[in-house]
N, C-alpha and C. Protein backbone atom coordinates (compact mmCIF):
# COMPACT_ATOMS: atom_id res chain seq x y z
N MET A 1 1.01 -1.64 -0.02
CA MET A 1 0.55 -0.03 0.10
C MET A 1 0.70 1.54 0.09
N VAL A 2 0.50 2.44 -0.49
CA VAL A 2 0.48 3.58 -0.43
C VAL A 2 1.02 3.54 0.98
N ASN A 3 2.04 4.90 1.32
CA ASN A 3 2.35 5.10 2.50
C ASN A 3 2.15 6.27 2.57
N THR A 4 1.65 7.36 2.31
CA THR A 4 0.81 7.88 1.99
C THR A 4 -0.50 8.64 2.44
N LEU A 5 -0.78 6.92 2.85
CA LEU A 5 -2.81 6.97 4.12
C LEU A 5 -2.47 7.37 4.96
N ASN A 6 -1.28 7.27 5.89
CA ASN A 6 -1.58 7.18 7.02
C ASN A 6 -0.85 8.96 7.06
N SER A 7 0.25 8.95 6.70
CA SER A 7 1.35 10.83 6.61
C SER A 7 0.23 11.43 7.33
N GLY A 8 0.26 11.47 8.67
CA GLY A 8 0.49 12.70 9.58
C GLY A 8 -1.43 12.76 9.69
N MET A 9 -1.71 11.85 9.77
CA MET A 9 -2.80 11.36 9.73
C MET A 9 -2.69 10.59 11.51
N SER A 10 -3.91 11.28 11.77
CA SER A 10 -3.64 10.86 13.79
C SER A 10 -5.19 9.42 13.29
N ALA A 11 -5.17 8.31 14.36
CA ALA A 11 -6.27 6.94 13.91
C ALA A 11 -7.51 7.98 13.84
N LYS A 12 -8.28 7.12 12.52
CA LYS A 12 -9.40 7.37 12.14
C LYS A 12 -10.37 6.13 12.73
N VAL A 13 -11.65 6.79 12.17
CA VAL A 13 -12.59 5.03 12.29
C VAL A 13 -12.83 5.63 10.53
N LEU A 14 -12.43 4.39 9.92
CA LEU A 14 -12.79 4.11 8.60
C LEU A 14 -13.90 3.33 8.11
N LEU A 15 -14.58 3.46 7.77
CA LEU A 15 -16.31 2.68 7.03
C LEU A 15 -15.64 2.05 5.57
N ILE A 16 -16.10 0.51 5.89
CA ILE A 16 -15.73 0.03 4.48
C ILE A 16 -16.41 -1.24 3.98
N THR A 17 -17.04 -1.20 3.24
CA THR A 17 -17.74 -1.86 3.22
C THR A 17 -17.57 -2.74 1.79
N GLY A 18 -18.22 -4.01 1.61
CA GLY A 18 -17.18 -5.25 1.00
C GLY A 18 -16.22 -6.26 1.95
N ILE A 19 -16.63 -5.75 2.73
CA ILE A 19 -14.86 -5.44 3.69
C ILE A 19 -14.06 -7.23 4.14
N SER A 20 -15.11 -8.32 3.61
CA SER A 20 -14.84 -10.19 3.65
C SER A 20 -13.91 -10.54 2.96
N ARG A 21 -13.62 -9.61 1.67
CA ARG A 21 -12.55 -9.68 0.77
C ARG A 21 -12.36 -8.93 -0.50
N GLY A 22 -11.18 -9.74 -0.79
CA GLY A 22 -10.31 -8.54 -1.70
C GLY A 22 -10.22 -7.47 -1.25
N LEU A 23 -10.33 -6.54 -2.12
CA LEU A 23 -9.96 -4.86 -1.15
C LEU A 23 -10.00 -5.03 -0.95
N GLY A 24 -11.24 -4.83 -0.31
CA GLY A 24 -11.87 -4.25 1.24
C GLY A 24 -10.82 -5.16 2.49
N ARG A 25 -10.81 -6.29 1.94
CA ARG A 25 -10.26 -6.54 3.30
C ARG A 25 -8.52 -7.02 3.18
N ALA A 26 -8.07 -6.35 1.96
CA ALA A 26 -6.71 -5.86 2.47
C ALA A 26 -6.78 -4.56 3.14
N LEU A 27 -7.07 -3.90 2.60
CA LEU A 27 -7.40 -2.46 3.22
C LEU A 27 -7.98 -2.20 4.75
N ALA A 28 -8.37 -3.23 5.00
CA ALA A 28 -8.86 -3.18 6.49
C ALA A 28 -7.65 -4.10 7.70
N LEU A 29 -7.48 -4.79 6.40
CA LEU A 29 -5.64 -5.44 7.65
C LEU A 29 -4.96 -4.63 7.76
N GLU A 30 -4.89 -3.59 6.73
CA GLU A 30 -3.70 -2.51 6.67
C GLU A 30 -4.16 -1.13 7.05
N MET A 31 -5.09 -0.70 7.05
CA MET A 31 -5.26 0.33 8.39
C MET A 31 -5.41 0.20 9.87
N ALA A 32 -5.84 -1.66 9.61
CA ALA A 32 -5.66 -2.17 11.36
C ALA A 32 -4.52 -1.66 11.88
N LYS A 33 -3.11 -2.55 10.74
CA LYS A 33 -2.29 -2.06 11.57
C LYS A 33 -1.88 -1.42 12.01
N ARG A 34 -2.47 -0.20 11.16
CA ARG A 34 -1.64 1.38 11.40
C ARG A 34 -1.95 2.64 12.63
N GLY A 35 -3.26 1.40 13.03
CA GLY A 35 -4.46 1.67 14.30
C GLY A 35 -5.36 2.39 13.99
N HIS A 36 -5.86 2.40 13.34
CA HIS A 36 -7.45 2.18 12.90
C HIS A 36 -8.51 1.68 13.43
N THR A 37 -9.65 2.17 13.85
CA THR A 37 -10.86 1.80 14.48
C THR A 37 -11.10 1.55 12.98
N ILE A 38 -11.63 0.07 12.84
CA ILE A 38 -12.91 -0.33 11.29
C ILE A 38 -13.65 -0.78 11.88
N VAL A 39 -14.59 -0.41 10.76
CA VAL A 39 -16.54 -0.67 11.45
C VAL A 39 -16.79 -1.20 9.51
N GLY A 40 -17.24 -2.03 9.61
CA GLY A 40 -17.28 -3.44 8.33
C GLY A 40 -18.59 -3.74 8.03
N CYS A 41 -18.86 -4.07 6.67
CA CYS A 41 -19.66 -4.06 6.09
C CYS A 41 -19.40 -6.23 5.09
N SER A 42 -20.30 -6.81 4.98
CA SER A 42 -19.88 -7.88 4.37
C SER A 42 -21.73 -8.39 4.79
N ARG A 43 -21.95 -9.30 3.14
CA ARG A 43 -23.57 -10.07 3.13
C ARG A 43 -22.05 -11.59 3.87
N SER A 44 -21.25 -11.80 4.10
CA SER A 44 -21.10 -13.43 5.03
C SER A 44 -20.13 -13.33 6.35
N GLN A 45 -21.63 -13.73 7.25
CA GLN A 45 -21.48 -14.07 8.59
C GLN A 45 -19.58 -14.47 8.91
N GLU A 46 -19.67 -15.41 7.76
CA GLU A 46 -18.74 -16.75 8.60
C GLU A 46 -17.06 -15.85 8.28
N LYS A 47 -17.41 -15.24 6.96
CA LYS A 47 -16.34 -13.99 7.00
C LYS A 47 -15.51 -13.18 7.71
N LEU A 48 -16.62 -12.58 8.01
CA LEU A 48 -16.26 -11.45 9.18
C LEU A 48 -16.42 -11.63 10.33
N HIS A 49 -16.60 -12.77 10.80
CA HIS A 49 -16.09 -13.90 12.34
C HIS A 49 -14.53 -14.09 12.19
N SER A 50 -14.04 -14.15 10.86
CA SER A 50 -13.00 -14.35 10.29
C SER A 50 -11.98 -13.63 10.81
N LEU A 51 -12.57 -12.72 9.35
CA LEU A 51 -11.44 -11.54 9.84
C LEU A 51 -11.92 -10.52 10.95
N SER A 52 -12.80 -10.14 11.91
CA SER A 52 -12.49 -9.90 13.10
C SER A 52 -12.17 -10.86 14.27
N THR A 53 -11.40 -11.88 14.04
CA THR A 53 -10.59 -12.69 14.57
C THR A 53 -9.22 -12.13 14.77
N GLN A 54 -8.95 -11.88 13.21
CA GLN A 54 -7.53 -11.78 12.48
C GLN A 54 -7.76 -10.51 13.36
N LEU A 55 -8.23 -9.68 12.86
CA LEU A 55 -7.68 -8.02 13.04
C LEU A 55 -7.48 -8.28 14.60
N SER A 56 -8.65 -8.09 15.41
CA SER A 56 -8.22 -7.83 16.85
C SER A 56 -8.88 -8.67 18.01
N PRO A 57 -8.30 -9.87 18.07
CA PRO A 57 -7.94 -10.98 18.52
C PRO A 57 -7.96 -10.44 20.43
N ASP A 58 -6.95 -9.50 21.31
CA ASP A 58 -7.23 -9.83 22.36
C ASP A 58 -8.28 -8.48 22.15
N ASP A 59 -8.94 -7.80 21.56
CA ASP A 59 -9.59 -6.90 22.10
C ASP A 59 -10.83 -6.80 20.69
N PRO A 60 -11.64 -7.54 21.13
CA PRO A 60 -12.60 -7.98 19.86
C PRO A 60 -13.70 -6.82 20.05
N SER A 61 -13.88 -5.46 20.53
CA SER A 61 -15.27 -4.23 20.44
C SER A 61 -13.98 -3.42 20.22
N LYS A 62 -12.98 -3.18 19.59
CA LYS A 62 -12.13 -2.13 18.81
C LYS A 62 -12.88 -2.22 17.25
N HIS A 63 -13.04 -2.86 16.87
CA HIS A 63 -14.13 -2.97 15.41
C HIS A 63 -15.04 -3.41 15.63
N LEU A 64 -15.75 -3.08 13.97
CA LEU A 64 -17.38 -3.30 14.08
C LEU A 64 -18.15 -3.71 13.03
N PHE A 65 -18.18 -5.57 13.14
CA PHE A 65 -18.39 -5.36 11.50
C PHE A 65 -19.35 -6.29 11.70
N LEU A 66 -20.69 -5.65 10.55
CA LEU A 66 -22.69 -5.44 10.13
C LEU A 66 -22.59 -6.74 9.45
N LEU A 67 -23.35 -7.80 9.28
CA LEU A 67 -24.05 -8.21 8.54
C LEU A 67 -24.73 -7.46 7.41
N ALA A 68 -24.83 -7.21 6.25
CA ALA A 68 -25.22 -6.31 5.04
C ALA A 68 -25.19 -6.60 3.52
N ASP A 69 -25.91 -6.11 2.78
CA ASP A 69 -26.01 -6.12 1.37
C ASP A 69 -26.21 -4.77 1.39
N VAL A 70 -24.95 -4.24 0.79
CA VAL A 70 -25.01 -2.56 0.55
C VAL A 70 -25.57 -2.47 -0.88
C-alpha cells in the first residue's frame, strides 16, 4: 500500500463496505495495522467472523462488523 495513506493522519474510524474479501479485506488489514478502528459490512457472517478474529484477537470490541448487503 502507498505510505501516504497515513502520513500525518491520527487514528481514525474507517467505514469499509465489502470488507470480507478482496480489496476491502486488504484495506481493513492494513489500516488496522496502522492503528485505525474499522467499521465494516459484508454479506458473509462466516467471513466477517474470520476477519474479526484476525484483526483484533485481544480486543474484540475495537472494530465493528455488520452483516449487510449494500
